[in-house]
Amino acid sequence: MTKYGIDSELTKLAKQKTPSNIYLYPIVNMVMKLSICASDDKVTVTKYVTPGYKNGKISTFVIEPKQNRGILPCIVFYHGGGFLLKASRTHYQVAKWYAEMARCKVVFTDYRLLPKNKYPVAVEDCYCAYQWIHDYADMLGINKDKIVVAGDSAGGNLAAAVTLMLWDRVRISPLGAMLIYPVTDRRMITESMKKFTDTPVWDAIRTKMFWNAYLGNQEPKQVQYASPIEAESLKHFPNVYMEVAEFDCLRDEGIAFAERLRAEGIATELHEVKGVCHGYEAAPGSKIVKESIQRRIRWIQSVFNEQ
């Protein structure tokens, strides 16, 4: 690609672009369905059908390390994809790494997508998944006092929103929140959003497309569950790990969210990964991704070991 200094390890990724026509995504998802989350020699994967919003049903996977299937801490993982795309092979691989390296269970939920399912379906599905984990923690072998929410891109939005919902509705908080280049602000007012209109993989034009589809003409009654940075308060957040990409329209809103968390007294670890575009995890063999995963694992383990 060109005018951006994308690291040479990401050359192939730097040539990729997601569709700008929202009605192409259901077709893309037909291919994405070929990516499955299955057991391998390091983790065991169990699939459940769990309750979703308004009596919906969603698929939820529990990933756990082999040789260690007792009561374990848990990461609730919400995948990215602009509220449009199904989980990719990379998402499943990253979830497996978390389970294997952090010695925890990872619950990975297949929430419902645009263009059919507009706000608040996705976030309510994700909230239902968290409730299911909490209600069935004993059966699942999960320590419900040690749960971290995590997500990338739109999944980061969902992780932040579920954190807000949990406090507002039932006065509980996860132990930590790990937000990877998250969507946090529907207003699209940052400098990186204005600047990065043609970056690889994802850009401001596609961000506007999904916000228009996600919210339509509605003004959400509880806007913080769509746009977490607009929450009245973030003071009930747990410890946060934030990772943003240098050449990403979402970069500055992630940084702004981290700065606001810090201003409200929340311990927040912020990393800006240089030389990368949005979705750089799609190069899982790169040194950049391996270093990022190792850094995240250290943070996860520190959070699980706090108590």
C-alpha atoms as a PDB file:
ATOM      1  CA  MET A   1       0.000   0.000   0.000  1.00  0.00           C
ATOM      2  CA  THR A   2       1.769   3.002  -0.075  1.00  0.00           C
ATOM      3  CA  LYS A   3       1.817   6.145   1.939  1.00  0.00           C
ATOM      4  CA  TYR A   4       1.691   4.376   5.298  1.00  0.00           C
ATOM      5  CA  GLY A   5       4.764   2.900   6.915  1.00  0.00           C
ATOM      6  CA  ILE A   6       3.301  -0.532   7.489  1.00  0.00           C
ATOM      7  CA  ASP A   7       5.849  -2.983   8.860  1.00  0.00           C
ATOM      8  CA  SER A   8       7.291  -5.332   6.233  1.00  0.00           C
ATOM      9  CA  GLU A   9       5.950  -8.342   8.172  1.00  0.00           C
ATOM     10  CA  LEU A  10       2.445  -7.112   7.343  1.00  0.00           C
ATOM     11  CA  THR A  11       2.973  -6.590   3.603  1.00  0.00           C
ATOM     12  CA  LYS A  12       0.266  -9.077   2.642  1.00  0.00           C
ATOM     13  CA  LEU A  13      -2.218  -7.617   5.142  1.00  0.00           C
ATOM     14  CA  ALA A  14      -1.456  -4.086   3.918  1.00  0.00           C
ATOM     15  CA  LYS A  15      -3.003  -4.997   0.565  1.00  0.00           C
ATOM     16  CA  GLN A  16      -6.309  -6.090   2.070  1.00  0.00           C
ATOM     17  CA  LYS A  17      -9.548  -4.138   2.363  1.00  0.00           C
ATOM     18  CA  THR A  18     -12.934  -5.086   3.737  1.00  0.00           C
ATOM     19  CA  PRO A  19     -16.005  -4.373   1.562  1.00  0.00           C
ATOM     20  CA  SER A  20     -17.471  -0.885   1.567  1.00  0.00           C
ATOM     21  CA  ASN A  21     -20.917  -2.225   0.611  1.00  0.00           C
ATOM     22  CA  ILE A  22     -22.672  -3.497   3.712  1.00  0.00           C
ATOM     23  CA  TYR A  23     -24.801  -5.958   1.756  1.00  0.00           C
ATOM     24  CA  LEU A  24     -21.712  -7.914   0.690  1.00  0.00           C
ATOM     25  CA  TYR A  25     -20.974  -8.993   4.247  1.00  0.00           C
ATOM     26  CA  PRO A  26     -23.547 -11.813   4.433  1.00  0.00           C
ATOM     27  CA  ILE A  27     -21.850 -13.279   1.359  1.00  0.00           C
ATOM     28  CA  VAL A  28     -18.423 -12.922   2.971  1.00  0.00           C
ATOM     29  CA  ASN A  29     -19.799 -14.649   6.069  1.00  0.00           C
ATOM     30  CA  MET A  30     -20.718 -17.687   4.019  1.00  0.00           C
ATOM     31  CA  VAL A  31     -16.980 -18.144   3.509  1.00  0.00           C
ATOM     32  CA  MET A  32     -16.198 -17.224   7.120  1.00  0.00           C
ATOM     33  CA  LYS A  33     -18.395 -20.107   8.265  1.00  0.00           C
ATOM     34  CA  LEU A  34     -15.678 -22.426   7.004  1.00  0.00           C
ATOM     35  CA  SER A  35     -13.528 -21.242   9.919  1.00  0.00           C
ATOM     36  CA  ILE A  36     -14.390 -23.470  12.853  1.00  0.00           C
ATOM     37  CA  CYS A  37     -13.358 -23.448  16.467  1.00  0.00           C
ATOM     38  CA  ALA A  38     -12.240 -26.999  17.186  1.00  0.00           C
ATOM     39  CA  SER A  39     -10.159 -28.862  19.745  1.00  0.00           C
ATOM     40  CA  ASP A  40      -6.496 -29.443  19.006  1.00  0.00           C
ATOM     41  CA  ASP A  41      -3.489 -30.900  20.799  1.00  0.00           C
ATOM     42  CA  LYS A  42      -3.304 -27.974  23.243  1.00  0.00           C
ATOM     43  CA  VAL A  43      -6.913 -26.997  23.989  1.00  0.00           C
ATOM     44  CA  THR A  44     -10.334 -28.587  24.235  1.00  0.00           C
ATOM     45  CA  VAL A  45     -13.297 -26.779  22.694  1.00  0.00           C
ATOM     46  CA  THR A  46     -16.882 -27.426  23.758  1.00  0.00           C
ATOM     47  CA  LYS A  47     -19.817 -25.829  21.932  1.00  0.00           C
ATOM     48  CA  TYR A  48     -23.009 -24.764  23.709  1.00  0.00           C
ATOM     49  CA  VAL A  49     -26.229 -23.154  22.543  1.00  0.00           C
ATOM     50  CA  THR A  50     -26.891 -20.327  24.990  1.00  0.00           C
ATOM     51  CA  PRO A  51     -29.625 -17.707  25.534  1.00  0.00           C
ATOM     52  CA  GLY A  52     -29.461 -14.472  23.566  1.00  0.00           C
ATOM     53  CA  TYR A  53     -31.430 -11.248  23.502  1.00  0.00           C
ATOM     54  CA  LYS A  54     -35.231 -11.569  23.417  1.00  0.00           C
ATOM     55  CA  ASN A  55     -35.225 -15.377  23.545  1.00  0.00           C
ATOM     56  CA  GLY A  56     -32.679 -15.679  20.776  1.00  0.00           C
ATOM     57  CA  LYS A  57     -30.184 -18.535  20.671  1.00  0.00           C
ATOM     58  CA  ILE A  58     -26.459 -18.068  20.080  1.00  0.00           C
ATOM     59  CA  SER A  59     -23.514 -20.432  19.777  1.00  0.00           C
ATOM     60  CA  THR A  60     -20.938 -20.147  22.542  1.00  0.00           C
ATOM     61  CA  PHE A  61     -17.619 -21.977  22.722  1.00  0.00           C
ATOM     62  CA  VAL A  62     -15.695 -22.809  25.877  1.00  0.00           C
ATOM     63  CA  ILE A  63     -11.987 -23.222  25.198  1.00  0.00           C
ATOM     64  CA  GLU A  64      -9.822 -24.737  27.925  1.00  0.00           C
ATOM     65  CA  PRO A  65      -6.223 -25.886  28.164  1.00  0.00           C
ATOM     66  CA  LYS A  66      -5.664 -29.617  28.119  1.00  0.00           C
ATOM     67  CA  GLN A  67      -4.234 -31.260  31.237  1.00  0.00           C
ATOM     68  CA  ASN A  68      -5.799 -28.534  33.388  1.00  0.00           C
ATOM     69  CA  ARG A  69      -9.567 -28.749  33.330  1.00  0.00           C
ATOM     70  CA  GLY A  70     -10.483 -27.922  36.909  1.00  0.00           C
ATOM     71  CA  ILE A  71     -11.842 -24.612  38.255  1.00  0.00           C
ATOM     72  CA  LEU A  72     -10.034 -21.897  36.303  1.00  0.00           C
ATOM     73  CA  PRO A  73     -10.189 -18.142  35.729  1.00  0.00           C
ATOM     74  CA  CYS A  74     -12.016 -17.038  32.591  1.00  0.00           C
ATOM     75  CA  ILE A  75     -11.683 -14.639  29.679  1.00  0.00           C
ATOM     76  CA  VAL A  76     -14.946 -13.692  27.977  1.00  0.00           C
ATOM     77  CA  PHE A  77     -13.892 -12.976  24.394  1.00  0.00           C
ATOM     78  CA  TYR A  78     -16.005 -10.867  22.011  1.00  0.00           C
ATOM     79  CA  HIS A  79     -14.635 -10.961  18.479  1.00  0.00           C
ATOM     80  CA  GLY A  80     -14.304  -7.987  16.143  1.00  0.00           C
ATOM     81  CA  GLY A  81     -15.546  -7.493  12.605  1.00  0.00           C
ATOM     82  CA  GLY A  82     -17.471  -4.226  12.596  1.00  0.00           C
ATOM     83  CA  PHE A  83     -20.602  -5.928  13.993  1.00  0.00           C
ATOM     84  CA  LEU A  84     -20.718  -7.374  10.456  1.00  0.00           C
ATOM     85  CA  LEU A  85     -18.283 -10.278  10.189  1.00  0.00           C
ATOM     86  CA  LYS A  86     -18.257 -13.679  11.812  1.00  0.00           C
ATOM     87  CA  ALA A  87     -15.214 -14.749  13.778  1.00  0.00           C
ATOM     88  CA  SER A  88     -12.120 -15.549  11.745  1.00  0.00           C
ATOM     89  CA  ARG A  89      -9.476 -18.257  12.100  1.00  0.00           C
ATOM     90  CA  THR A  90      -7.289 -15.592  13.674  1.00  0.00           C
ATOM     91  CA  HIS A  91      -9.878 -14.856  16.366  1.00  0.00           C
ATOM     92  CA  TYR A  92     -10.074 -18.542  17.246  1.00  0.00           C
ATOM     93  CA  GLN A  93      -6.288 -18.835  17.291  1.00  0.00           C
ATOM     94  CA  VAL A  94      -5.886 -15.834  19.581  1.00  0.00           C
ATOM     95  CA  ALA A  95      -8.564 -17.214  21.927  1.00  0.00           C
ATOM     96  CA  LYS A  96      -6.738 -20.546  22.034  1.00  0.00           C
ATOM     97  CA  TRP A  97      -3.459 -18.806  22.827  1.00  0.00           C
ATOM     98  CA  TYR A  98      -5.107 -17.007  25.741  1.00  0.00           C
ATOM     99  CA  ALA A  99      -6.449 -20.297  27.121  1.00  0.00           C
ATOM    100  CA  GLU A 100      -3.162 -22.120  26.671  1.00  0.00           C
ATOM    101  CA  MET A 101      -0.737 -19.416  27.818  1.00  0.00           C
ATOM    102  CA  ALA A 102      -2.781 -17.844  30.630  1.00  0.00           C
ATOM    103  CA  ARG A 103      -4.059 -21.241  31.847  1.00  0.00           C
ATOM    104  CA  CYS A 104      -7.651 -20.126  31.849  1.00  0.00           C
ATOM    105  CA  LYS A 105     -10.945 -20.899  30.167  1.00  0.00           C
ATOM    106  CA  VAL A 106     -11.980 -18.676  27.277  1.00  0.00           C
ATOM    107  CA  VAL A 107     -15.660 -18.256  26.514  1.00  0.00           C
ATOM    108  CA  PHE A 108     -16.161 -17.156  22.928  1.00  0.00           C
ATOM    109  CA  THR A 109     -19.647 -16.103  21.893  1.00  0.00           C
ATOM    110  CA  ASP A 110     -21.119 -15.935  18.389  1.00  0.00           C
ATOM    111  CA  TYR A 111     -23.334 -12.867  18.803  1.00  0.00           C
ATOM    112  CA  ARG A 112     -25.765 -11.869  16.039  1.00  0.00           C
ATOM    113  CA  LEU A 113     -24.646  -9.523  13.284  1.00  0.00           C
ATOM    114  CA  LEU A 114     -25.560  -6.675  10.987  1.00  0.00           C
ATOM    115  CA  PRO A 115     -27.170  -5.850   8.659  1.00  0.00           C
ATOM    116  CA  LYS A 116     -30.118  -7.856   9.999  1.00  0.00           C
ATOM    117  CA  ASN A 117     -29.486  -7.373  13.708  1.00  0.00           C
ATOM    118  CA  LYS A 118     -29.161  -3.715  14.612  1.00  0.00           C
ATOM    119  CA  TYR A 119     -28.307  -2.181  17.981  1.00  0.00           C
ATOM    120  CA  PRO A 120     -28.835  -3.366  20.691  1.00  0.00           C
ATOM    121  CA  VAL A 121     -28.940  -7.024  19.571  1.00  0.00           C
ATOM    122  CA  ALA A 122     -25.174  -7.639  19.514  1.00  0.00           C
ATOM    123  CA  VAL A 123     -24.430  -6.029  22.869  1.00  0.00           C
ATOM    124  CA  GLU A 124     -27.453  -7.629  24.539  1.00  0.00           C
ATOM    125  CA  ASP A 125     -26.386 -11.037  23.167  1.00  0.00           C
ATOM    126  CA  CYS A 126     -22.958 -10.446  24.691  1.00  0.00           C
ATOM    127  CA  TYR A 127     -24.473  -9.423  28.015  1.00  0.00           C
ATOM    128  CA  CYS A 128     -26.589 -12.602  27.965  1.00  0.00           C
ATOM    129  CA  ALA A 129     -23.447 -14.664  27.362  1.00  0.00           C
ATOM    130  CA  TYR A 130     -21.789 -13.120  30.420  1.00  0.00           C
ATOM    131  CA  GLN A 131     -24.893 -13.814  32.497  1.00  0.00           C
ATOM    132  CA  TRP A 132     -24.880 -17.436  31.311  1.00  0.00           C
ATOM    133  CA  ILE A 133     -21.244 -17.822  32.397  1.00  0.00           C
ATOM    134  CA  HIS A 134     -22.013 -16.324  35.790  1.00  0.00           C
ATOM    135  CA  ASP A 135     -25.096 -18.516  36.279  1.00  0.00           C
ATOM    136  CA  TYR A 136     -23.393 -21.749  35.203  1.00  0.00           C
ATOM    137  CA  ALA A 137     -19.880 -21.086  36.475  1.00  0.00           C
ATOM    138  CA  ASP A 138     -19.852 -24.207  38.659  1.00  0.00           C
ATOM    139  CA  MET A 139     -20.914 -26.462  35.788  1.00  0.00           C
ATOM    140  CA  LEU A 140     -18.363 -24.826  33.479  1.00  0.00           C
ATOM    141  CA  GLY A 141     -15.519 -25.039  35.983  1.00  0.00           C
ATOM    142  CA  ILE A 142     -15.075 -21.252  36.020  1.00  0.00           C
ATOM    143  CA  ASN A 143     -14.074 -19.095  38.959  1.00  0.00           C
ATOM    144  CA  LYS A 144     -16.676 -16.347  38.589  1.00  0.00           C
ATOM    145  CA  ASP A 145     -14.615 -14.033  40.807  1.00  0.00           C
ATOM    146  CA  LYS A 146     -11.842 -14.098  38.200  1.00  0.00           C
ATOM    147  CA  ILE A 147     -13.407 -13.088  34.889  1.00  0.00           C
ATOM    148  CA  VAL A 148     -11.783 -10.743  32.367  1.00  0.00           C
ATOM    149  CA  VAL A 149     -13.708  -9.374  29.393  1.00  0.00           C
ATOM    150  CA  ALA A 150     -11.765  -8.975  26.157  1.00  0.00           C
ATOM    151  CA  GLY A 151     -12.415  -7.940  22.588  1.00  0.00           C
ATOM    152  CA  ASP A 152     -10.867  -6.488  19.467  1.00  0.00           C
ATOM    153  CA  SER A 153     -12.360  -3.661  17.380  1.00  0.00           C
ATOM    154  CA  ALA A 154     -16.162  -4.030  17.560  1.00  0.00           C
ATOM    155  CA  GLY A 155     -15.508  -6.734  20.153  1.00  0.00           C
ATOM    156  CA  GLY A 156     -13.656  -4.162  22.240  1.00  0.00           C
ATOM    157  CA  ASN A 157     -16.743  -1.970  22.048  1.00  0.00           C
ATOM    158  CA  LEU A 158     -18.853  -4.892  23.231  1.00  0.00           C
ATOM    159  CA  ALA A 159     -16.470  -5.716  26.087  1.00  0.00           C
ATOM    160  CA  ALA A 160     -16.557  -2.104  27.308  1.00  0.00           C
ATOM    161  CA  ALA A 161     -20.337  -1.889  26.919  1.00  0.00           C
ATOM    162  CA  VAL A 162     -20.956  -5.150  28.790  1.00  0.00           C
ATOM    163  CA  THR A 163     -18.746  -3.842  31.614  1.00  0.00           C
ATOM    164  CA  LEU A 164     -20.969  -0.771  31.867  1.00  0.00           C
ATOM    165  CA  MET A 165     -24.153  -2.863  31.677  1.00  0.00           C
ATOM    166  CA  LEU A 166     -23.020  -5.230  34.411  1.00  0.00           C
ATOM    167  CA  TRP A 167     -22.530  -2.382  36.859  1.00  0.00           C
ATOM    168  CA  ASP A 168     -25.701  -0.544  35.869  1.00  0.00           C
ATOM    169  CA  ARG A 169     -27.909  -3.636  36.056  1.00  0.00           C
ATOM    170  CA  VAL A 170     -26.497  -5.976  38.676  1.00  0.00           C
ATOM    171  CA  ARG A 171     -23.704  -4.011  40.400  1.00  0.00           C
ATOM    172  CA  ILE A 172     -20.922  -6.393  39.471  1.00  0.00           C
ATOM    173  CA  SER A 173     -17.732  -5.817  37.487  1.00  0.00           C
ATOM    174  CA  PRO A 174     -15.339  -8.184  35.764  1.00  0.00           C
ATOM    175  CA  LEU A 175     -11.842  -8.401  37.200  1.00  0.00           C
ATOM    176  CA  GLY A 176     -10.333  -6.722  34.142  1.00  0.00           C
ATOM    177  CA  ALA A 177     -11.057  -5.501  30.614  1.00  0.00           C
ATOM    178  CA  MET A 178      -8.677  -6.038  27.694  1.00  0.00           C
ATOM    179  CA  LEU A 179      -9.542  -3.770  24.754  1.00  0.00           C
ATOM    180  CA  ILE A 180      -7.663  -4.253  21.469  1.00  0.00           C
ATOM    181  CA  TYR A 181      -8.014  -1.328  19.004  1.00  0.00           C
ATOM    182  CA  PRO A 182     -11.615  -0.886  20.216  1.00  0.00           C
ATOM    183  CA  VAL A 183     -14.494   1.107  18.781  1.00  0.00           C
ATOM    184  CA  THR A 184     -15.481   3.530  21.545  1.00  0.00           C
ATOM    185  CA  ASP A 185     -17.031   6.644  19.983  1.00  0.00           C
ATOM    186  CA  ARG A 186     -19.924   6.863  17.501  1.00  0.00           C
ATOM    187  CA  ARG A 187     -19.251  10.583  16.935  1.00  0.00           C
ATOM    188  CA  MET A 188     -16.149   9.979  14.757  1.00  0.00           C
ATOM    189  CA  ILE A 189     -14.518  13.233  15.896  1.00  0.00           C
ATOM    190  CA  THR A 190     -10.866  12.295  16.485  1.00  0.00           C
ATOM    191  CA  GLU A 191      -7.898  13.343  14.374  1.00  0.00           C
ATOM    192  CA  SER A 192      -7.119   9.755  13.373  1.00  0.00           C
ATOM    193  CA  MET A 193     -10.707   9.301  12.227  1.00  0.00           C
ATOM    194  CA  LYS A 194     -10.403  12.397  10.056  1.00  0.00           C
ATOM    195  CA  LYS A 195      -6.974  11.394   8.734  1.00  0.00           C
ATOM    196  CA  PHE A 196      -7.202   7.667   8.040  1.00  0.00           C
ATOM    197  CA  THR A 197      -9.824   7.392   5.305  1.00  0.00           C
ATOM    198  CA  ASP A 198      -7.921   4.876   3.159  1.00  0.00           C
ATOM    199  CA  THR A 199      -5.864   2.724   5.513  1.00  0.00           C
ATOM    200  CA  PRO A 200      -5.502  -1.033   4.932  1.00  0.00           C
ATOM    201  CA  VAL A 201      -8.173  -3.419   6.225  1.00  0.00           C
ATOM    202  CA  TRP A 202     -10.372  -0.752   7.854  1.00  0.00           C
ATOM    203  CA  ASP A 203     -10.808   3.017   7.622  1.00  0.00           C
ATOM    204  CA  ALA A 204     -13.086   5.908   8.526  1.00  0.00           C
ATOM    205  CA  ILE A 205     -15.344   5.336   5.509  1.00  0.00           C
ATOM    206  CA  ARG A 206     -16.114   1.801   6.646  1.00  0.00           C
ATOM    207  CA  THR A 207     -16.557   3.005  10.220  1.00  0.00           C
ATOM    208  CA  LYS A 208     -19.250   5.422   9.072  1.00  0.00           C
ATOM    209  CA  MET A 209     -20.894   2.592   7.129  1.00  0.00           C
ATOM    210  CA  PHE A 210     -21.203   0.352  10.160  1.00  0.00           C
ATOM    211  CA  TRP A 211     -22.352   3.140  12.508  1.00  0.00           C
ATOM    212  CA  ASN A 212     -25.108   4.020  10.038  1.00  0.00           C
ATOM    213  CA  ALA A 213     -26.147   0.381   9.904  1.00  0.00           C
ATOM    214  CA  TYR A 214     -25.783  -0.294  13.643  1.00  0.00           C
ATOM    215  CA  LEU A 215     -27.703   2.715  14.912  1.00  0.00           C
ATOM    216  CA  GLY A 216     -29.642   3.834  11.827  1.00  0.00           C
ATOM    217  CA  ASN A 217     -31.624   6.936  12.680  1.00  0.00           C
ATOM    218  CA  GLN A 218     -32.150   5.967  16.301  1.00  0.00           C
ATOM    219  CA  GLU A 219     -30.729   7.960  19.179  1.00  0.00           C
ATOM    220  CA  PRO A 220     -30.049   5.228  21.765  1.00  0.00           C
ATOM    221  CA  LYS A 221     -31.704   5.783  25.128  1.00  0.00           C
ATOM    222  CA  GLN A 222     -28.574   4.412  26.769  1.00  0.00           C
ATOM    223  CA  VAL A 223     -25.966   5.708  24.376  1.00  0.00           C
ATOM    224  CA  GLN A 224     -23.072   4.445  26.503  1.00  0.00           C
ATOM    225  CA  TYR A 225     -23.851   0.859  25.471  1.00  0.00           C
ATOM    226  CA  ALA A 226     -23.248   1.828  21.840  1.00  0.00           C
ATOM    227  CA  SER A 227     -20.604   4.512  22.396  1.00  0.00           C
ATOM    228  CA  PRO A 228     -18.841   3.761  25.709  1.00  0.00           C
ATOM    229  CA  ILE A 229     -16.801   6.966  25.800  1.00  0.00           C
ATOM    230  CA  GLU A 230     -20.084   8.867  26.179  1.00  0.00           C
ATOM    231  CA  ALA A 231     -20.850   7.129  29.480  1.00  0.00           C
ATOM    232  CA  GLU A 232     -21.508   9.528  32.321  1.00  0.00           C
ATOM    233  CA  SER A 233     -18.952   7.718  34.466  1.00  0.00           C
ATOM    234  CA  LEU A 234     -16.266   5.061  33.999  1.00  0.00           C
ATOM    235  CA  LYS A 235     -15.334   4.892  37.667  1.00  0.00           C
ATOM    236  CA  HIS A 236     -16.661   1.349  38.111  1.00  0.00           C
ATOM    237  CA  PHE A 237     -14.389  -0.113  35.440  1.00  0.00           C
ATOM    238  CA  PRO A 238     -11.845  -2.702  36.556  1.00  0.00           C
ATOM    239  CA  ASN A 239      -8.188  -2.580  35.521  1.00  0.00           C
ATOM    240  CA  VAL A 240      -7.872  -2.062  31.759  1.00  0.00           C
ATOM    241  CA  TYR A 241      -5.356  -3.105  29.116  1.00  0.00           C
ATOM    242  CA  MET A 242      -5.617  -0.972  25.949  1.00  0.00           C
ATOM    243  CA  GLU A 243      -3.789  -1.643  22.698  1.00  0.00           C
ATOM    244  CA  VAL A 244      -4.111   0.582  19.624  1.00  0.00           C
ATOM    245  CA  ALA A 245      -2.587   0.525  16.128  1.00  0.00           C
ATOM    246  CA  GLU A 246      -0.549   3.399  14.704  1.00  0.00           C
ATOM    247  CA  PHE A 247      -2.249   3.544  11.286  1.00  0.00           C
ATOM    248  CA  ASP A 248      -5.860   3.038  12.368  1.00  0.00           C
ATOM    249  CA  CYS A 249      -8.797   5.417  12.294  1.00  0.00           C
ATOM    250  CA  LEU A 250      -9.780   4.025  15.712  1.00  0.00           C
ATOM    251  CA  ARG A 251      -6.403   4.839  17.286  1.00  0.00           C
ATOM    252  CA  ASP A 252      -7.222   8.172  18.906  1.00  0.00           C
ATOM    253  CA  GLU A 253     -10.585   7.151  20.344  1.00  0.00           C
ATOM    254  CA  GLY A 254      -8.864   4.194  22.012  1.00  0.00           C
ATOM    255  CA  ILE A 255      -6.241   6.514  23.469  1.00  0.00           C
ATOM    256  CA  ALA A 256      -8.934   8.986  24.555  1.00  0.00           C
ATOM    257  CA  PHE A 257     -10.837   6.192  26.301  1.00  0.00           C
ATOM    258  CA  ALA A 258      -7.661   5.100  28.113  1.00  0.00           C
ATOM    259  CA  GLU A 259      -6.914   8.679  29.174  1.00  0.00           C
ATOM    260  CA  ARG A 260     -10.422   9.133  30.508  1.00  0.00           C
ATOM    261  CA  LEU A 261     -10.196   5.882  32.459  1.00  0.00           C
ATOM    262  CA  ARG A 262      -6.956   7.078  34.036  1.00  0.00           C
ATOM    263  CA  ALA A 263      -8.512  10.447  34.847  1.00  0.00           C
ATOM    264  CA  GLU A 264     -11.275   8.618  36.716  1.00  0.00           C
ATOM    265  CA  GLY A 265      -8.781   6.608  38.728  1.00  0.00           C
ATOM    266  CA  ILE A 266      -8.792   3.337  36.768  1.00  0.00           C
ATOM    267  CA  ALA A 267      -5.452   1.538  36.411  1.00  0.00           C
ATOM    268  CA  THR A 268      -4.963   1.461  32.640  1.00  0.00           C
ATOM    269  CA  GLU A 269      -2.063   0.027  30.651  1.00  0.00           C
ATOM    270  CA  LEU A 270      -1.859   1.636  27.194  1.00  0.00           C
ATOM    271  CA  HIS A 271       0.220   0.461  24.241  1.00  0.00           C
ATOM    272  CA  GLU A 272       0.364   2.000  20.778  1.00  0.00           C
ATOM    273  CA  VAL A 273       1.769  -0.626  18.415  1.00  0.00           C
ATOM    274  CA  LYS A 274       3.903   1.056  15.766  1.00  0.00           C
ATOM    275  CA  GLY A 275       4.002   0.198  12.075  1.00  0.00           C
ATOM    276  CA  VAL A 276       0.663  -1.611  12.009  1.00  0.00           C
ATOM    277  CA  CYS A 277      -2.836  -1.123  10.653  1.00  0.00           C
ATOM    278  CA  HIS A 278      -6.163  -2.168  12.105  1.00  0.00           C
ATOM    279  CA  GLY A 279      -6.573  -5.924  12.422  1.00  0.00           C
ATOM    280  CA  TYR A 280      -2.861  -6.677  12.500  1.00  0.00           C
ATOM    281  CA  GLU A 281      -3.559  -9.853  14.478  1.00  0.00           C
ATOM    282  CA  ALA A 282      -4.370 -11.353  11.062  1.00  0.00           C
ATOM    283  CA  ALA A 283      -0.590 -11.833  10.718  1.00  0.00           C
ATOM    284  CA  PRO A 284      -0.310 -14.242  13.664  1.00  0.00           C
ATOM    285  CA  GLY A 285       3.143 -15.468  12.694  1.00  0.00           C
ATOM    286  CA  SER A 286       4.691 -11.998  12.818  1.00  0.00           C
ATOM    287  CA  LYS A 287       7.069 -10.871  15.537  1.00  0.00           C
ATOM    288  CA  ILE A 288       4.774  -7.897  16.222  1.00  0.00           C
ATOM    289  CA  VAL A 289       1.782 -10.102  17.003  1.00  0.00           C
ATOM    290  CA  LYS A 290       3.828 -12.552  19.068  1.00  0.00           C
ATOM    291  CA  GLU A 291       5.154  -9.692  21.193  1.00  0.00           C
ATOM    292  CA  SER A 292       1.654  -8.267  21.613  1.00  0.00           C
ATOM    293  CA  ILE A 293       0.269 -11.637  22.703  1.00  0.00           C
ATOM    294  CA  GLN A 294       3.073 -12.096  25.236  1.00  0.00           C
ATOM    295  CA  ARG A 295       2.446  -8.620  26.640  1.00  0.00           C
ATOM    296  CA  ARG A 296      -1.289  -9.314  26.952  1.00  0.00           C
ATOM    297  CA  ILE A 297      -0.646 -12.640  28.658  1.00  0.00           C
ATOM    298  CA  ARG A 298       1.561 -10.932  31.250  1.00  0.00           C
ATOM    299  CA  TRP A 299      -1.222  -8.447  31.971  1.00  0.00           C
ATOM    300  CA  ILE A 300      -3.885 -11.168  32.157  1.00  0.00           C
ATOM    301  CA  GLN A 301      -1.799 -13.211  34.567  1.00  0.00           C
ATOM    302  CA  SER A 302      -1.134 -10.160  36.729  1.00  0.00           C
ATOM    303  CA  VAL A 303      -4.877  -9.487  36.953  1.00  0.00           C
ATOM    304  CA  PHE A 304      -5.740 -13.101  37.761  1.00  0.00           C
ATOM    305  CA  ASN A 305      -3.031 -13.167  40.437  1.00  0.00           C
ATOM    306  CA  GLU A 306      -4.140  -9.947  42.142  1.00  0.00           C
ATOM    307  CA  GLN A 307      -6.519 -11.590  44.563  1.00  0.00           C
END
